[in-house]
C-alpha atoms as a PDB file:
ATOM      1  CA  MET A   1      -0.048  -0.003  -0.060  1.00  0.00           C
ATOM      2  CA  GLU A   2       2.807   2.373   0.835  1.00  0.00           C
ATOM      3  CA  GLU A   3       4.367   1.792  -2.566  1.00  0.00           C
ATOM      4  CA  ASP A   4       1.156   2.838  -4.281  1.00  0.00           C
ATOM      5  CA  PHE A   5       1.085   6.165  -2.411  1.00  0.00           C
ATOM      6  CA  LEU A   6       4.799   6.770  -3.142  1.00  0.00           C
ATOM      7  CA  LYS A   7       4.029   6.511  -6.895  1.00  0.00           C
ATOM      8  CA  ASP A   8       1.482   9.242  -6.553  1.00  0.00           C
ATOM      9  CA  GLU A   9       3.251  12.563  -7.319  1.00  0.00           C
ATOM     10  CA  GLN A  10       0.493  14.514  -5.605  1.00  0.00           C
ATOM     11  CA  ILE A  11       1.365  13.025  -2.197  1.00  0.00           C
ATOM     12  CA  SER A  12       4.374  14.151  -0.436  1.00  0.00           C
ATOM     13  CA  PRO A  13       6.621  11.427   1.012  1.00  0.00           C
ATOM     14  CA  SER A  14       6.009  12.837   4.582  1.00  0.00           C
ATOM     15  CA  ASN A  15       2.270  12.214   4.182  1.00  0.00           C
ATOM     16  CA  VAL A  16       2.538   8.599   2.927  1.00  0.00           C
ATOM     17  CA  GLN A  17       2.378   7.010   6.400  1.00  0.00           C
ATOM     18  CA  ASP A  18      -0.713   9.098   7.287  1.00  0.00           C
ATOM     19  CA  ARG A  19      -2.505   8.078   4.067  1.00  0.00           C
ATOM     20  CA  VAL A  20      -1.658   4.342   4.692  1.00  0.00           C
ATOM     21  CA  LEU A  21      -2.850   4.489   8.291  1.00  0.00           C
ATOM     22  CA  CYS A  22      -6.011   6.406   7.197  1.00  0.00           C
ATOM     23  CA  ASP A  23      -6.782   3.732   4.542  1.00  0.00           C
ATOM     24  CA  ILE A  24      -6.187   0.981   7.070  1.00  0.00           C
ATOM     25  CA  GLY A  25      -8.572   2.701   9.383  1.00  0.00           C
ATOM     26  CA  MET A  26     -11.289   2.870   6.677  1.00  0.00           C
ATOM     27  CA  PHE A  27     -10.883  -0.842   5.869  1.00  0.00           C
ATOM     28  CA  LEU A  28     -11.140  -1.678   9.579  1.00  0.00           C
ATOM     29  CA  GLU A  29     -14.261   0.546   9.950  1.00  0.00           C
ATOM     30  CA  ALA A  30     -15.869  -1.312   7.074  1.00  0.00           C
ATOM     31  CA  MET A  31     -15.323  -4.568   8.963  1.00  0.00           C
ATOM     32  CA  GLY A  32     -16.802  -3.040  12.173  1.00  0.00           C
ATOM     33  CA  LYS A  33     -13.435  -2.457  13.761  1.00  0.00           C
ATOM     34  CA  ASN A  34     -11.531   0.624  14.867  1.00  0.00           C
ATOM     35  CA  ILE A  35      -7.870   1.483  14.299  1.00  0.00           C
ATOM     36  CA  SER A  36      -7.570   2.411  17.972  1.00  0.00           C
ATOM     37  CA  GLU A  37      -8.084  -1.274  18.881  1.00  0.00           C
ATOM     38  CA  TYR A  38      -4.648  -2.042  17.428  1.00  0.00           C
ATOM     39  CA  GLU A  39      -1.202  -0.806  18.384  1.00  0.00           C
ATOM     40  CA  LEU A  40      -0.867   1.500  15.424  1.00  0.00           C
ATOM     41  CA  PRO A  41       0.012   5.208  15.453  1.00  0.00           C
ATOM     42  CA  LYS A  42      -2.899   7.531  15.109  1.00  0.00           C
ATOM     43  CA  PRO A  43      -2.919   9.059  11.655  1.00  0.00           C
ATOM     44  CA  ASN A  44      -2.760  12.811  11.278  1.00  0.00           C
ATOM     45  CA  THR A  45      -6.101  13.241   9.520  1.00  0.00           C
ATOM     46  CA  ILE A  46      -5.243  16.737   8.270  1.00  0.00           C
ATOM     47  CA  SER A  47      -2.242  15.552   6.252  1.00  0.00           C
ATOM     48  CA  ALA A  48      -3.934  12.182   5.339  1.00  0.00           C
ATOM     49  CA  HIS A  49      -6.605  14.008   3.536  1.00  0.00           C
ATOM     50  CA  SER A  50      -4.710  17.053   2.389  1.00  0.00           C
ATOM     51  CA  GLY A  51      -5.406  16.030  -1.223  1.00  0.00           C
ATOM     52  CA  GLY A  52      -9.059  16.827  -0.558  1.00  0.00           C
ATOM     53  CA  VAL A  53     -10.521  14.151  -2.777  1.00  0.00           C
ATOM     54  CA  LEU A  54      -9.639  10.487  -2.926  1.00  0.00           C
ATOM     55  CA  LYS A  55      -7.698   9.290  -5.915  1.00  0.00           C
ATOM     56  CA  GLU A  56     -10.503   6.964  -7.092  1.00  0.00           C
ATOM     57  CA  ILE A  57     -12.980   9.925  -7.109  1.00  0.00           C
ATOM     58  CA  LEU A  58     -10.554  12.154  -9.015  1.00  0.00           C
ATOM     59  CA  GLU A  59     -10.132   9.453 -11.577  1.00  0.00           C
ATOM     60  CA  GLU A  60     -13.868   9.136 -12.062  1.00  0.00           C
ATOM     61  CA  MET A  61     -14.280  12.919 -12.256  1.00  0.00           C
ATOM     62  CA  ASN A  62     -11.597  13.128 -14.984  1.00  0.00           C
ATOM     63  CA  ALA A  63     -12.967  10.249 -17.055  1.00  0.00           C
ATOM     64  CA  PRO A  64     -13.621  11.242 -20.673  1.00  0.00           C
ATOM     65  CA  ILE A  65     -17.214  11.660 -21.585  1.00  0.00           C
ATOM     66  CA  SER A  66     -18.231  10.669 -25.072  1.00  0.00           C
ATOM     67  CA  GLY A  67     -20.473  12.850 -27.244  1.00  0.00           C
ATOM     68  CA  GLU A  68     -23.176  10.193 -27.098  1.00  0.00           C
ATOM     69  CA  ASP A  69     -23.148  10.340 -23.351  1.00  0.00           C
ATOM     70  CA  THR A  70     -23.454  14.106 -23.471  1.00  0.00           C
ATOM     71  CA  TYR A  71     -26.612  13.993 -25.474  1.00  0.00           C
ATOM     72  CA  ILE A  72     -28.311  11.066 -23.697  1.00  0.00           C
ATOM     73  CA  ILE A  73     -30.577  13.334 -21.806  1.00  0.00           C
ATOM     74  CA  GLN A  74     -32.314  14.387 -24.904  1.00  0.00           C
ATOM     75  CA  ASN A  75     -33.217  10.716 -25.572  1.00  0.00           C
ATOM     76  CA  LEU A  76     -34.982  10.175 -22.250  1.00  0.00           C
ATOM     77  CA  ASN A  77     -38.780   9.816 -22.050  1.00  0.00           C
ATOM     78  CA  TYR A  78     -40.560  12.792 -20.578  1.00  0.00           C
ATOM     79  CA  GLU A  79     -43.172  10.797 -18.605  1.00  0.00           C
END
C-alpha cells in the first residue's frame, strides 16, 4: 500500500504514512473495527486528507465523456 502512495506525485513522502494509516482505518471500519483497537500510530487526518478528494474519485471525475453520453438526456422519455 505504501508503494502505491509513493508513486502518486501529488502526495508528499512525509504524508505517505498518514495516508496508509487512514486507509487501514477505513478498511477496519468497514469490517466493524476501529484502528484504535490495534497498536498502530494515530494518523494525522489533516495531512492524510490534504489532497481533498480520494484518488479514485478524482479518476472518475476526470474520465472522458463521449459525445453520445453528453446528449443522452435528450433521448430520455418525458413521462
